[in-house]
Amino acid sequence: MDFKELLIKRRSIRKYAEKPVSLETLRGLISTGILAPSAGNEQPWEFIIINDKTLLAEISEDCKANLLNRINNNPDDYANRYRHMFENPKLNIFYNAPALIIILGNVSVKNLSLDCTLAASYLMFDAASKGLGTCWINFALEMSDSIKQKIGVPDGYKMIAPIIVGYPEMIPQAPLRKQAKILKITRLDIHNEN
């Protein structure tokens, strides 16, 4: 597929087939992710792969409990609109995907969020090119410290991009995009001087 088709086919997938993704494939996605540009070529990204469905279910329950607690302490929290989801005992925030790749890095890196986001984009486009689905699960950032320790998040590190990966059971249509808002165009007139 050409590049534009790839951009259109990359969707947030929330329904996965019961089929594991090989560790070799996950490592390949990461190898593509690290081709992304980074500020000052720091390449600060590091990765955690979780492909244990029992552990993913445990993390999901932990995150849902933490999100409900956060909402209860602050009813104006934007996450309150998802309360009904977090209260659903059947909901797995990872949509039963077979794997999770967490992109993270040391908090001392000034542009960590931007750099890791670029790596996530490369990884997700590579997954789409291979017939895999992905979805950025921001709710996973609500993990408790005990879960972070269990999955190997080092002290002084920040999780940026929790990306689920799997074989899509269905691929939704691309949502309509708003027109680009171009605030200003500055034109430089060049005069030929002979």
N, C-alpha and C. Protein backbone atom coordinates (compact mmCIF):
# COMPACT_ATOMS: atom_id res chain seq x y z
N MET A 1 0.84 -1.19 0.00
CA MET A 1 0.00 0.00 0.00
C MET A 1 0.88 1.24 0.00
N ASP A 2 0.39 2.30 -0.62
CA ASP A 2 1.19 3.52 -0.64
C ASP A 2 1.01 4.26 0.69
N PHE A 3 1.79 5.31 0.87
CA PHE A 3 1.83 6.00 2.16
C PHE A 3 0.49 6.58 2.56
N LYS A 4 -0.20 7.22 1.63
CA LYS A 4 -1.50 7.83 1.95
C LYS A 4 -2.51 6.76 2.37
N GLU A 5 -2.49 5.62 1.67
CA GLU A 5 -3.39 4.52 2.03
C GLU A 5 -3.08 4.01 3.44
N LEU A 6 -1.79 3.95 3.77
CA LEU A 6 -1.38 3.53 5.11
C LEU A 6 -1.92 4.50 6.16
N LEU A 7 -1.83 5.80 5.89
CA LEU A 7 -2.34 6.80 6.83
C LEU A 7 -3.83 6.60 7.06
N ILE A 8 -4.55 6.28 6.01
CA ILE A 8 -5.99 6.09 6.13
C ILE A 8 -6.32 4.78 6.84
N LYS A 9 -5.54 3.74 6.60
CA LYS A 9 -5.84 2.41 7.17
C LYS A 9 -5.44 2.29 8.64
N ARG A 10 -4.59 3.17 9.14
CA ARG A 10 -4.23 3.10 10.55
C ARG A 10 -5.41 3.58 11.38
N ARG A 11 -6.04 2.69 12.07
CA ARG A 11 -7.21 3.00 12.88
C ARG A 11 -6.95 2.60 14.32
N SER A 12 -7.69 3.16 15.24
CA SER A 12 -7.67 2.71 16.63
C SER A 12 -8.59 1.49 16.71
N ILE A 13 -7.99 0.35 17.00
CA ILE A 13 -8.71 -0.92 17.00
C ILE A 13 -9.10 -1.27 18.43
N ARG A 14 -10.38 -1.61 18.61
CA ARG A 14 -10.90 -1.95 19.93
C ARG A 14 -11.58 -3.32 19.95
N LYS A 15 -11.31 -4.12 18.93
CA LYS A 15 -11.84 -5.48 18.89
C LYS A 15 -10.80 -6.36 18.21
N TYR A 16 -10.29 -7.35 18.97
CA TYR A 16 -9.17 -8.15 18.50
C TYR A 16 -9.53 -9.62 18.38
N ALA A 17 -8.92 -10.28 17.40
CA ALA A 17 -9.07 -11.72 17.23
C ALA A 17 -8.29 -12.43 18.33
N GLU A 18 -8.72 -13.63 18.67
CA GLU A 18 -8.03 -14.46 19.67
C GLU A 18 -6.81 -15.09 19.00
N LYS A 19 -5.82 -14.29 18.76
CA LYS A 19 -4.61 -14.76 18.07
C LYS A 19 -3.42 -14.00 18.64
N PRO A 20 -2.43 -14.71 19.16
CA PRO A 20 -1.27 -14.01 19.73
C PRO A 20 -0.41 -13.36 18.66
N VAL A 21 0.32 -12.34 19.07
CA VAL A 21 1.31 -11.69 18.20
C VAL A 21 2.67 -12.16 18.68
N SER A 22 3.47 -12.66 17.77
CA SER A 22 4.77 -13.24 18.17
C SER A 22 5.69 -12.16 18.75
N LEU A 23 6.57 -12.60 19.63
CA LEU A 23 7.55 -11.70 20.22
C LEU A 23 8.45 -11.13 19.12
N GLU A 24 8.75 -11.91 18.12
CA GLU A 24 9.56 -11.44 17.00
C GLU A 24 8.86 -10.28 16.29
N THR A 25 7.56 -10.39 16.08
CA THR A 25 6.80 -9.32 15.43
C THR A 25 6.80 -8.06 16.30
N LEU A 26 6.59 -8.23 17.61
CA LEU A 26 6.58 -7.08 18.52
C LEU A 26 7.94 -6.39 18.53
N ARG A 27 9.00 -7.18 18.54
CA ARG A 27 10.35 -6.59 18.48
C ARG A 27 10.56 -5.85 17.16
N GLY A 28 10.00 -6.39 16.07
CA GLY A 28 10.11 -5.73 14.78
C GLY A 28 9.42 -4.39 14.77
N LEU A 29 8.25 -4.30 15.42
CA LEU A 29 7.55 -3.01 15.51
C LEU A 29 8.39 -2.00 16.28
N ILE A 30 9.01 -2.47 17.35
CA ILE A 30 9.87 -1.57 18.14
C ILE A 30 11.06 -1.11 17.31
N SER A 31 11.63 -2.03 16.51
CA SER A 31 12.76 -1.65 15.65
C SER A 31 12.37 -0.56 14.67
N THR A 32 11.14 -0.57 14.22
CA THR A 32 10.65 0.50 13.35
C THR A 32 10.41 1.77 14.17
N GLY A 33 9.86 1.62 15.36
CA GLY A 33 9.59 2.78 16.22
C GLY A 33 10.82 3.61 16.49
N ILE A 34 11.95 2.95 16.66
CA ILE A 34 13.17 3.69 17.01
C ILE A 34 13.82 4.39 15.82
N LEU A 35 13.20 4.25 14.65
CA LEU A 35 13.65 5.02 13.49
C LEU A 35 13.12 6.45 13.52
N ALA A 36 12.23 6.73 14.45
CA ALA A 36 11.62 8.06 14.55
C ALA A 36 12.67 9.12 14.89
N PRO A 37 12.41 10.36 14.48
CA PRO A 37 13.31 11.43 14.89
C PRO A 37 13.13 11.74 16.37
N SER A 38 14.16 12.32 16.96
CA SER A 38 14.08 12.76 18.36
C SER A 38 14.89 14.03 18.52
N ALA A 39 14.49 14.85 19.47
CA ALA A 39 15.17 16.13 19.70
C ALA A 39 16.63 15.88 20.08
N GLY A 40 17.51 16.54 19.38
CA GLY A 40 18.93 16.40 19.66
C GLY A 40 19.43 14.97 19.45
N ASN A 41 18.67 14.17 18.73
CA ASN A 41 18.99 12.76 18.50
C ASN A 41 19.24 12.00 19.80
N GLU A 42 18.50 12.38 20.86
CA GLU A 42 18.69 11.71 22.15
C GLU A 42 18.18 10.27 22.16
N GLN A 43 17.15 9.97 21.34
CA GLN A 43 16.58 8.63 21.29
C GLN A 43 16.30 8.10 22.70
N PRO A 44 15.47 8.81 23.47
CA PRO A 44 15.31 8.48 24.89
C PRO A 44 14.35 7.33 25.18
N TRP A 45 13.67 6.83 24.17
CA TRP A 45 12.63 5.84 24.36
C TRP A 45 13.18 4.50 24.84
N GLU A 46 12.41 3.88 25.70
CA GLU A 46 12.65 2.50 26.12
C GLU A 46 11.30 1.81 26.08
N PHE A 47 11.29 0.50 26.17
CA PHE A 47 10.06 -0.24 25.92
C PHE A 47 9.86 -1.37 26.94
N ILE A 48 8.60 -1.61 27.24
CA ILE A 48 8.20 -2.77 28.03
C ILE A 48 7.15 -3.50 27.20
N ILE A 49 7.34 -4.80 27.03
CA ILE A 49 6.37 -5.62 26.30
C ILE A 49 5.65 -6.51 27.31
N ILE A 50 4.33 -6.49 27.27
CA ILE A 50 3.52 -7.38 28.11
C ILE A 50 2.61 -8.16 27.17
N ASN A 51 2.81 -9.48 27.14
CA ASN A 51 1.96 -10.31 26.31
C ASN A 51 1.36 -11.47 27.12
N ASP A 52 1.16 -11.21 28.40
CA ASP A 52 0.53 -12.16 29.32
C ASP A 52 -0.88 -11.65 29.58
N LYS A 53 -1.89 -12.37 29.07
CA LYS A 53 -3.27 -11.89 29.17
C LYS A 53 -3.75 -11.78 30.62
N THR A 54 -3.26 -12.66 31.49
CA THR A 54 -3.65 -12.59 32.90
C THR A 54 -3.11 -11.31 33.53
N LEU A 55 -1.88 -10.97 33.22
CA LEU A 55 -1.29 -9.74 33.75
C LEU A 55 -1.99 -8.52 33.15
N LEU A 56 -2.31 -8.57 31.87
CA LEU A 56 -3.03 -7.44 31.26
C LEU A 56 -4.39 -7.24 31.92
N ALA A 57 -5.07 -8.32 32.26
CA ALA A 57 -6.37 -8.21 32.95
C ALA A 57 -6.17 -7.60 34.34
N GLU A 58 -5.10 -7.98 35.03
CA GLU A 58 -4.81 -7.43 36.36
C GLU A 58 -4.52 -5.93 36.26
N ILE A 59 -3.75 -5.54 35.26
CA ILE A 59 -3.44 -4.12 35.07
C ILE A 59 -4.72 -3.35 34.76
N SER A 60 -5.58 -3.93 33.93
CA SER A 60 -6.84 -3.28 33.58
C SER A 60 -7.68 -3.01 34.83
N GLU A 61 -7.81 -4.00 35.70
CA GLU A 61 -8.60 -3.82 36.93
C GLU A 61 -7.97 -2.76 37.83
N ASP A 62 -6.66 -2.76 37.93
CA ASP A 62 -5.95 -1.76 38.73
C ASP A 62 -6.22 -0.35 38.20
N CYS A 63 -6.11 -0.18 36.89
CA CYS A 63 -6.32 1.14 36.28
C CYS A 63 -7.76 1.60 36.45
N LYS A 64 -8.72 0.69 36.26
CA LYS A 64 -10.13 1.07 36.43
C LYS A 64 -10.39 1.54 37.85
N ALA A 65 -9.86 0.82 38.84
CA ALA A 65 -10.05 1.21 40.24
C ALA A 65 -9.43 2.57 40.51
N ASN A 66 -8.23 2.80 39.97
CA ASN A 66 -7.56 4.09 40.17
C ASN A 66 -8.30 5.22 39.49
N LEU A 67 -8.85 4.96 38.31
CA LEU A 67 -9.62 5.99 37.61
C LEU A 67 -10.91 6.33 38.35
N LEU A 68 -11.60 5.31 38.86
CA LEU A 68 -12.82 5.57 39.63
C LEU A 68 -12.51 6.37 40.89
N ASN A 69 -11.41 6.04 41.54
CA ASN A 69 -10.99 6.78 42.73
C ASN A 69 -10.69 8.24 42.37
N ARG A 70 -10.01 8.43 41.25
CA ARG A 70 -9.69 9.79 40.79
C ARG A 70 -10.96 10.58 40.52
N ILE A 71 -11.92 9.96 39.87
CA ILE A 71 -13.19 10.61 39.56
C ILE A 71 -13.95 10.94 40.85
N ASN A 72 -13.97 10.01 41.78
CA ASN A 72 -14.68 10.24 43.05
C ASN A 72 -14.08 11.41 43.82
N ASN A 73 -12.77 11.60 43.69
CA ASN A 73 -12.10 12.72 44.36
C ASN A 73 -12.25 14.03 43.61
N ASN A 74 -12.61 13.94 42.33
CA ASN A 74 -12.76 15.14 41.53
C ASN A 74 -13.83 14.90 40.47
N PRO A 75 -15.09 15.12 40.81
CA PRO A 75 -16.19 14.86 39.87
C PRO A 75 -16.09 15.67 38.57
N ASP A 76 -15.32 16.75 38.55
CA ASP A 76 -15.16 17.54 37.33
C ASP A 76 -14.09 16.97 36.39
N ASP A 77 -13.43 15.92 36.82
CA ASP A 77 -12.39 15.28 36.01
C ASP A 77 -12.99 14.85 34.67
N TYR A 78 -12.25 15.09 33.58
CA TYR A 78 -12.76 14.73 32.25
C TYR A 78 -13.08 13.24 32.16
N ALA A 79 -12.38 12.41 32.94
CA ALA A 79 -12.59 10.95 32.89
C ALA A 79 -13.96 10.55 33.41
N ASN A 80 -14.67 11.47 34.06
CA ASN A 80 -15.99 11.17 34.61
C ASN A 80 -16.96 10.71 33.51
N ARG A 81 -16.75 11.18 32.29
CA ARG A 81 -17.65 10.76 31.20
C ARG A 81 -17.47 9.28 30.85
N TYR A 82 -16.41 8.66 31.36
CA TYR A 82 -16.16 7.24 31.11
C TYR A 82 -16.49 6.38 32.33
N ARG A 83 -17.06 6.99 33.36
CA ARG A 83 -17.34 6.28 34.61
C ARG A 83 -18.08 4.96 34.35
N HIS A 84 -19.12 5.01 33.52
CA HIS A 84 -19.91 3.80 33.25
C HIS A 84 -19.03 2.67 32.70
N MET A 85 -18.00 3.03 31.93
CA MET A 85 -17.08 2.01 31.40
C MET A 85 -16.25 1.40 32.53
N PHE A 86 -15.70 2.26 33.39
CA PHE A 86 -14.83 1.77 34.45
C PHE A 86 -15.59 0.94 35.47
N GLU A 87 -16.89 1.20 35.61
CA GLU A 87 -17.71 0.45 36.55
C GLU A 87 -18.16 -0.90 35.98
N ASN A 88 -17.95 -1.11 34.70
CA ASN A 88 -18.34 -2.36 34.06
C ASN A 88 -17.30 -3.44 34.36
N PRO A 89 -17.67 -4.47 35.12
CA PRO A 89 -16.69 -5.51 35.47
C PRO A 89 -16.19 -6.31 34.27
N LYS A 90 -16.93 -6.26 33.17
CA LYS A 90 -16.52 -7.01 31.98
C LYS A 90 -15.53 -6.24 31.11
N LEU A 91 -15.42 -4.93 31.34
CA LEU A 91 -14.53 -4.13 30.49
C LEU A 91 -13.07 -4.41 30.81
N ASN A 92 -12.33 -4.73 29.78
CA ASN A 92 -10.88 -4.78 29.86
C ASN A 92 -10.40 -3.56 29.09
N ILE A 93 -9.68 -2.65 29.74
CA ILE A 93 -9.29 -1.40 29.08
C ILE A 93 -8.37 -1.64 27.88
N PHE A 94 -7.83 -2.85 27.79
CA PHE A 94 -6.97 -3.22 26.66
C PHE A 94 -7.74 -3.96 25.58
N TYR A 95 -9.07 -4.01 25.72
CA TYR A 95 -9.94 -4.62 24.72
C TYR A 95 -9.52 -6.04 24.37
N ASN A 96 -8.97 -6.74 25.36
CA ASN A 96 -8.54 -8.13 25.19
C ASN A 96 -7.49 -8.31 24.11
N ALA A 97 -6.74 -7.26 23.82
CA ALA A 97 -5.63 -7.38 22.87
C ALA A 97 -4.59 -8.32 23.47
N PRO A 98 -3.86 -9.04 22.62
CA PRO A 98 -2.89 -10.01 23.15
C PRO A 98 -1.58 -9.39 23.64
N ALA A 99 -1.32 -8.12 23.32
CA ALA A 99 -0.03 -7.53 23.71
C ALA A 99 -0.16 -6.04 23.97
N LEU A 100 0.70 -5.58 24.84
CA LEU A 100 0.82 -4.16 25.17
C LEU A 100 2.29 -3.79 25.08
N ILE A 101 2.58 -2.73 24.35
CA ILE A 101 3.94 -2.17 24.31
C ILE A 101 3.86 -0.80 24.98
N ILE A 102 4.62 -0.63 26.03
CA ILE A 102 4.67 0.66 26.72
C ILE A 102 5.96 1.36 26.32
N ILE A 103 5.81 2.58 25.82
CA ILE A 103 6.98 3.40 25.47
C ILE A 103 7.18 4.38 26.61
N LEU A 104 8.37 4.40 27.16
CA LEU A 104 8.65 5.20 28.34
C LEU A 104 10.09 5.67 28.32
N GLY A 105 10.44 6.52 29.28
CA GLY A 105 11.81 6.99 29.36
C GLY A 105 12.05 7.78 30.63
N ASN A 106 13.29 8.18 30.79
CA ASN A 106 13.72 8.90 31.98
C ASN A 106 13.12 10.30 31.99
N VAL A 107 12.55 10.69 33.13
CA VAL A 107 11.87 11.99 33.24
C VAL A 107 12.83 13.17 33.06
N SER A 108 14.13 12.93 33.14
CA SER A 108 15.09 14.03 33.00
C SER A 108 15.23 14.51 31.55
N VAL A 109 14.70 13.75 30.60
CA VAL A 109 14.79 14.13 29.19
C VAL A 109 13.75 15.20 28.89
N LYS A 110 14.20 16.34 28.42
CA LYS A 110 13.31 17.49 28.22
C LYS A 110 12.16 17.20 27.26
N ASN A 111 12.44 16.55 26.15
CA ASN A 111 11.42 16.32 25.12
C ASN A 111 10.93 14.88 25.10
N LEU A 112 10.92 14.24 26.25
CA LEU A 112 10.55 12.82 26.34
C LEU A 112 9.19 12.54 25.72
N SER A 113 8.17 13.32 26.07
CA SER A 113 6.82 13.06 25.57
C SER A 113 6.75 13.16 24.06
N LEU A 114 7.38 14.18 23.50
CA LEU A 114 7.35 14.36 22.05
C LEU A 114 8.10 13.23 21.35
N ASP A 115 9.28 12.91 21.85
CA ASP A 115 10.09 11.87 21.22
C ASP A 115 9.40 10.51 21.27
N CYS A 116 8.84 10.16 22.42
CA CYS A 116 8.17 8.87 22.55
C CYS A 116 6.90 8.81 21.72
N THR A 117 6.23 9.94 21.57
CA THR A 117 5.04 9.99 20.73
C THR A 117 5.39 9.75 19.27
N LEU A 118 6.49 10.31 18.82
CA LEU A 118 6.94 10.05 17.44
C LEU A 118 7.26 8.56 17.26
N ALA A 119 7.95 7.96 18.23
CA ALA A 119 8.26 6.53 18.14
C ALA A 119 6.97 5.71 18.10
N ALA A 120 5.98 6.11 18.90
CA ALA A 120 4.68 5.41 18.90
C ALA A 120 4.02 5.50 17.54
N SER A 121 4.09 6.67 16.91
CA SER A 121 3.49 6.83 15.58
C SER A 121 4.13 5.90 14.57
N TYR A 122 5.44 5.86 14.55
CA TYR A 122 6.15 4.97 13.63
C TYR A 122 5.73 3.52 13.88
N LEU A 123 5.70 3.14 15.15
CA LEU A 123 5.33 1.77 15.53
C LEU A 123 3.91 1.44 15.05
N MET A 124 2.97 2.36 15.26
CA MET A 124 1.58 2.10 14.88
C MET A 124 1.41 2.02 13.37
N PHE A 125 2.13 2.85 12.63
CA PHE A 125 2.03 2.77 11.17
C PHE A 125 2.65 1.47 10.66
N ASP A 126 3.74 1.04 11.27
CA ASP A 126 4.34 -0.23 10.87
C ASP A 126 3.38 -1.38 11.15
N ALA A 127 2.72 -1.33 12.30
CA ALA A 127 1.75 -2.37 12.63
C ALA A 127 0.64 -2.42 11.58
N ALA A 128 0.11 -1.26 11.20
CA ALA A 128 -0.95 -1.21 10.19
C ALA A 128 -0.47 -1.80 8.86
N SER A 129 0.78 -1.53 8.51
CA SER A 129 1.32 -2.05 7.24
C SER A 129 1.44 -3.57 7.26
N LYS A 130 1.47 -4.16 8.45
CA LYS A 130 1.60 -5.61 8.60
C LYS A 130 0.26 -6.29 8.89
N GLY A 131 -0.84 -5.53 8.80
CA GLY A 131 -2.15 -6.11 9.05
C GLY A 131 -2.50 -6.21 10.52
N LEU A 132 -1.74 -5.54 11.37
CA LEU A 132 -2.00 -5.53 12.82
C LEU A 132 -2.79 -4.28 13.19
N GLY A 133 -3.49 -4.37 14.30
CA GLY A 133 -4.20 -3.23 14.84
C GLY A 133 -3.52 -2.73 16.09
N THR A 134 -3.69 -1.45 16.37
CA THR A 134 -3.14 -0.83 17.58
C THR A 134 -4.16 0.15 18.14
N CYS A 135 -3.96 0.51 19.39
CA CYS A 135 -4.73 1.58 20.00
C CYS A 135 -3.92 2.13 21.18
N TRP A 136 -3.83 3.43 21.25
CA TRP A 136 -3.14 4.10 22.36
C TRP A 136 -4.13 4.12 23.52
N ILE A 137 -3.76 3.49 24.64
CA ILE A 137 -4.66 3.36 25.79
C ILE A 137 -4.17 4.28 26.91
N ASN A 138 -4.61 5.52 26.86
CA ASN A 138 -4.18 6.51 27.84
C ASN A 138 -4.59 6.13 29.27
N PHE A 139 -5.71 5.40 29.41
CA PHE A 139 -6.15 4.98 30.74
C PHE A 139 -5.10 4.13 31.45
N ALA A 140 -4.23 3.48 30.69
CA ALA A 140 -3.19 2.63 31.29
C ALA A 140 -2.16 3.44 32.06
N LEU A 141 -2.14 4.75 31.84
CA LEU A 141 -1.19 5.60 32.57
C LEU A 141 -1.59 5.73 34.04
N GLU A 142 -2.75 5.20 34.40
CA GLU A 142 -3.25 5.28 35.78
C GLU A 142 -2.83 4.08 36.63
N MET A 143 -1.81 3.37 36.21
CA MET A 143 -1.33 2.22 36.98
C MET A 143 -0.83 2.63 38.35
N SER A 144 -1.08 1.77 39.32
CA SER A 144 -0.56 2.01 40.67
C SER A 144 0.95 1.75 40.68
N ASP A 145 1.62 2.29 41.68
CA ASP A 145 3.06 2.10 41.80
C ASP A 145 3.41 0.62 41.92
N SER A 146 2.58 -0.16 42.60
CA SER A 146 2.89 -1.58 42.76
C SER A 146 2.84 -2.32 41.42
N ILE A 147 1.90 -1.95 40.56
CA ILE A 147 1.84 -2.56 39.23
C ILE A 147 3.02 -2.09 38.39
N LYS A 148 3.36 -0.81 38.47
CA LYS A 148 4.51 -0.31 37.71
C LYS A 148 5.77 -1.08 38.11
N GLN A 149 5.92 -1.32 39.40
CA GLN A 149 7.08 -2.08 39.88
C GLN A 149 7.03 -3.51 39.34
N LYS A 150 5.85 -4.09 39.35
CA LYS A 150 5.68 -5.48 38.89
C LYS A 150 6.06 -5.64 37.41
N ILE A 151 5.74 -4.64 36.59
CA ILE A 151 6.03 -4.76 35.16
C ILE A 151 7.41 -4.21 34.79
N GLY A 152 8.12 -3.63 35.76
CA GLY A 152 9.50 -3.22 35.52
C GLY A 152 9.72 -1.78 35.12
N VAL A 153 8.82 -0.88 35.51
CA VAL A 153 9.04 0.55 35.24
C VAL A 153 10.08 1.05 36.25
N PRO A 154 11.24 1.49 35.78
CA PRO A 154 12.28 1.95 36.71
C PRO A 154 11.89 3.25 37.42
N ASP A 155 12.46 3.46 38.59
CA ASP A 155 12.27 4.73 39.29
C ASP A 155 12.79 5.86 38.40
N GLY A 156 12.11 6.99 38.43
CA GLY A 156 12.53 8.14 37.64
C GLY A 156 12.12 8.05 36.17
N TYR A 157 11.26 7.08 35.86
CA TYR A 157 10.80 6.93 34.48
C TYR A 157 9.34 7.31 34.38
N LYS A 158 8.95 7.77 33.20
CA LYS A 158 7.56 8.14 32.94
C LYS A 158 7.06 7.35 31.75
N MET A 159 5.89 6.74 31.92
CA MET A 159 5.25 6.06 30.80
C MET A 159 4.58 7.11 29.93
N ILE A 160 4.81 7.02 28.63
CA ILE A 160 4.24 7.99 27.70
C ILE A 160 3.16 7.36 26.83
N ALA A 161 3.48 6.26 26.20
CA ALA A 161 2.57 5.69 25.19
C ALA A 161 2.32 4.21 25.44
N PRO A 162 1.17 3.86 26.05
CA PRO A 162 0.80 2.45 26.17
C PRO A 162 0.00 2.04 24.92
N ILE A 163 0.61 1.22 24.08
CA ILE A 163 0.02 0.86 22.79
C ILE A 163 -0.32 -0.63 22.79
N ILE A 164 -1.63 -0.95 22.62
CA ILE A 164 -2.00 -2.35 22.48
C ILE A 164 -1.80 -2.76 21.03
N VAL A 165 -1.50 -4.06 20.85
CA VAL A 165 -1.22 -4.59 19.52
C VAL A 165 -1.91 -5.95 19.39
N GLY A 166 -2.53 -6.16 18.24
CA GLY A 166 -3.14 -7.46 17.97
C GLY A 166 -3.68 -7.51 16.56
N TYR A 167 -4.27 -8.66 16.24
CA TYR A 167 -4.90 -8.83 14.93
C TYR A 167 -6.34 -8.34 15.01
N PRO A 168 -6.71 -7.36 14.20
CA PRO A 168 -8.05 -6.79 14.30
C PRO A 168 -9.13 -7.78 13.91
N GLU A 169 -10.19 -7.80 14.71
CA GLU A 169 -11.36 -8.57 14.33
C GLU A 169 -12.17 -7.78 13.31
N MET A 170 -12.12 -6.48 13.45
CA MET A 170 -12.74 -5.59 12.46
C MET A 170 -12.00 -4.26 12.47
N ILE A 171 -12.00 -3.61 11.32
CA ILE A 171 -11.34 -2.31 11.19
C ILE A 171 -12.42 -1.27 10.90
N PRO A 172 -12.60 -0.32 11.81
CA PRO A 172 -13.65 0.69 11.60
C PRO A 172 -13.29 1.65 10.47
N GLN A 173 -14.31 2.29 9.93
CA GLN A 173 -14.09 3.33 8.93
C GLN A 173 -13.37 4.51 9.58
N ALA A 174 -12.60 5.20 8.78
CA ALA A 174 -11.94 6.41 9.28
C ALA A 174 -12.99 7.47 9.58
N PRO A 175 -12.92 8.11 10.76
CA PRO A 175 -13.87 9.18 11.04
C PRO A 175 -13.58 10.39 10.15
N LEU A 176 -14.61 11.18 9.93
CA LEU A 176 -14.41 12.40 9.15
C LEU A 176 -13.43 13.31 9.87
N ARG A 177 -12.61 13.97 9.11
CA ARG A 177 -11.64 14.91 9.65
C ARG A 177 -12.11 16.33 9.41
N LYS A 178 -11.87 17.16 10.39
CA LYS A 178 -12.17 18.58 10.24
C LYS A 178 -11.18 19.19 9.24
N GLN A 179 -11.60 20.26 8.61
CA GLN A 179 -10.69 20.96 7.72
C GLN A 179 -9.53 21.52 8.54
N ALA A 180 -8.35 21.51 7.95
CA ALA A 180 -7.19 22.08 8.62
C ALA A 180 -7.39 23.57 8.82
N LYS A 181 -7.05 24.06 10.00
CA LYS A 181 -7.16 25.49 10.29
C LYS A 181 -5.78 26.12 10.09
N ILE A 182 -5.62 26.76 8.98
CA ILE A 182 -4.36 27.45 8.69
C ILE A 182 -4.53 28.88 9.17
N LEU A 183 -3.81 29.24 10.20
CA LEU A 183 -3.97 30.55 10.80
C LEU A 183 -3.37 31.67 9.97
N LYS A 184 -2.30 31.35 9.26
CA LYS A 184 -1.65 32.41 8.49
C LYS A 184 -0.74 31.76 7.46
N ILE A 185 -0.63 32.42 6.33
CA ILE A 185 0.34 32.02 5.31
C ILE A 185 1.22 33.23 5.07
N THR A 186 2.49 33.05 5.26
CA THR A 186 3.44 34.12 5.01
C THR A 186 4.17 33.80 3.71
N ARG A 187 4.13 34.74 2.80
CA ARG A 187 4.73 34.50 1.50
C ARG A 187 5.91 35.41 1.30
N LEU A 188 6.97 34.83 0.86
CA LEU A 188 8.16 35.61 0.57
C LEU A 188 8.22 35.80 -0.93
N ASP A 189 8.15 37.04 -1.35
CA ASP A 189 8.26 37.32 -2.78
C ASP A 189 9.73 37.39 -3.14
N ILE A 190 10.07 36.64 -4.15
CA ILE A 190 11.48 36.63 -4.60
C ILE A 190 11.55 37.36 -5.93
N HIS A 191 12.38 38.37 -5.96
CA HIS A 191 12.56 39.13 -7.19
C HIS A 191 13.89 38.74 -7.80
N ASN A 192 13.83 38.41 -9.06
CA ASN A 192 15.06 38.08 -9.76
C ASN A 192 15.84 39.36 -10.04
N GLU A 193 17.06 39.37 -9.64
CA GLU A 193 17.92 40.53 -9.93
C GLU A 193 18.96 40.09 -10.96
N ASN A 194 18.87 40.67 -12.13
CA ASN A 194 19.83 40.33 -13.19
C ASN A 194 20.79 41.46 -13.43
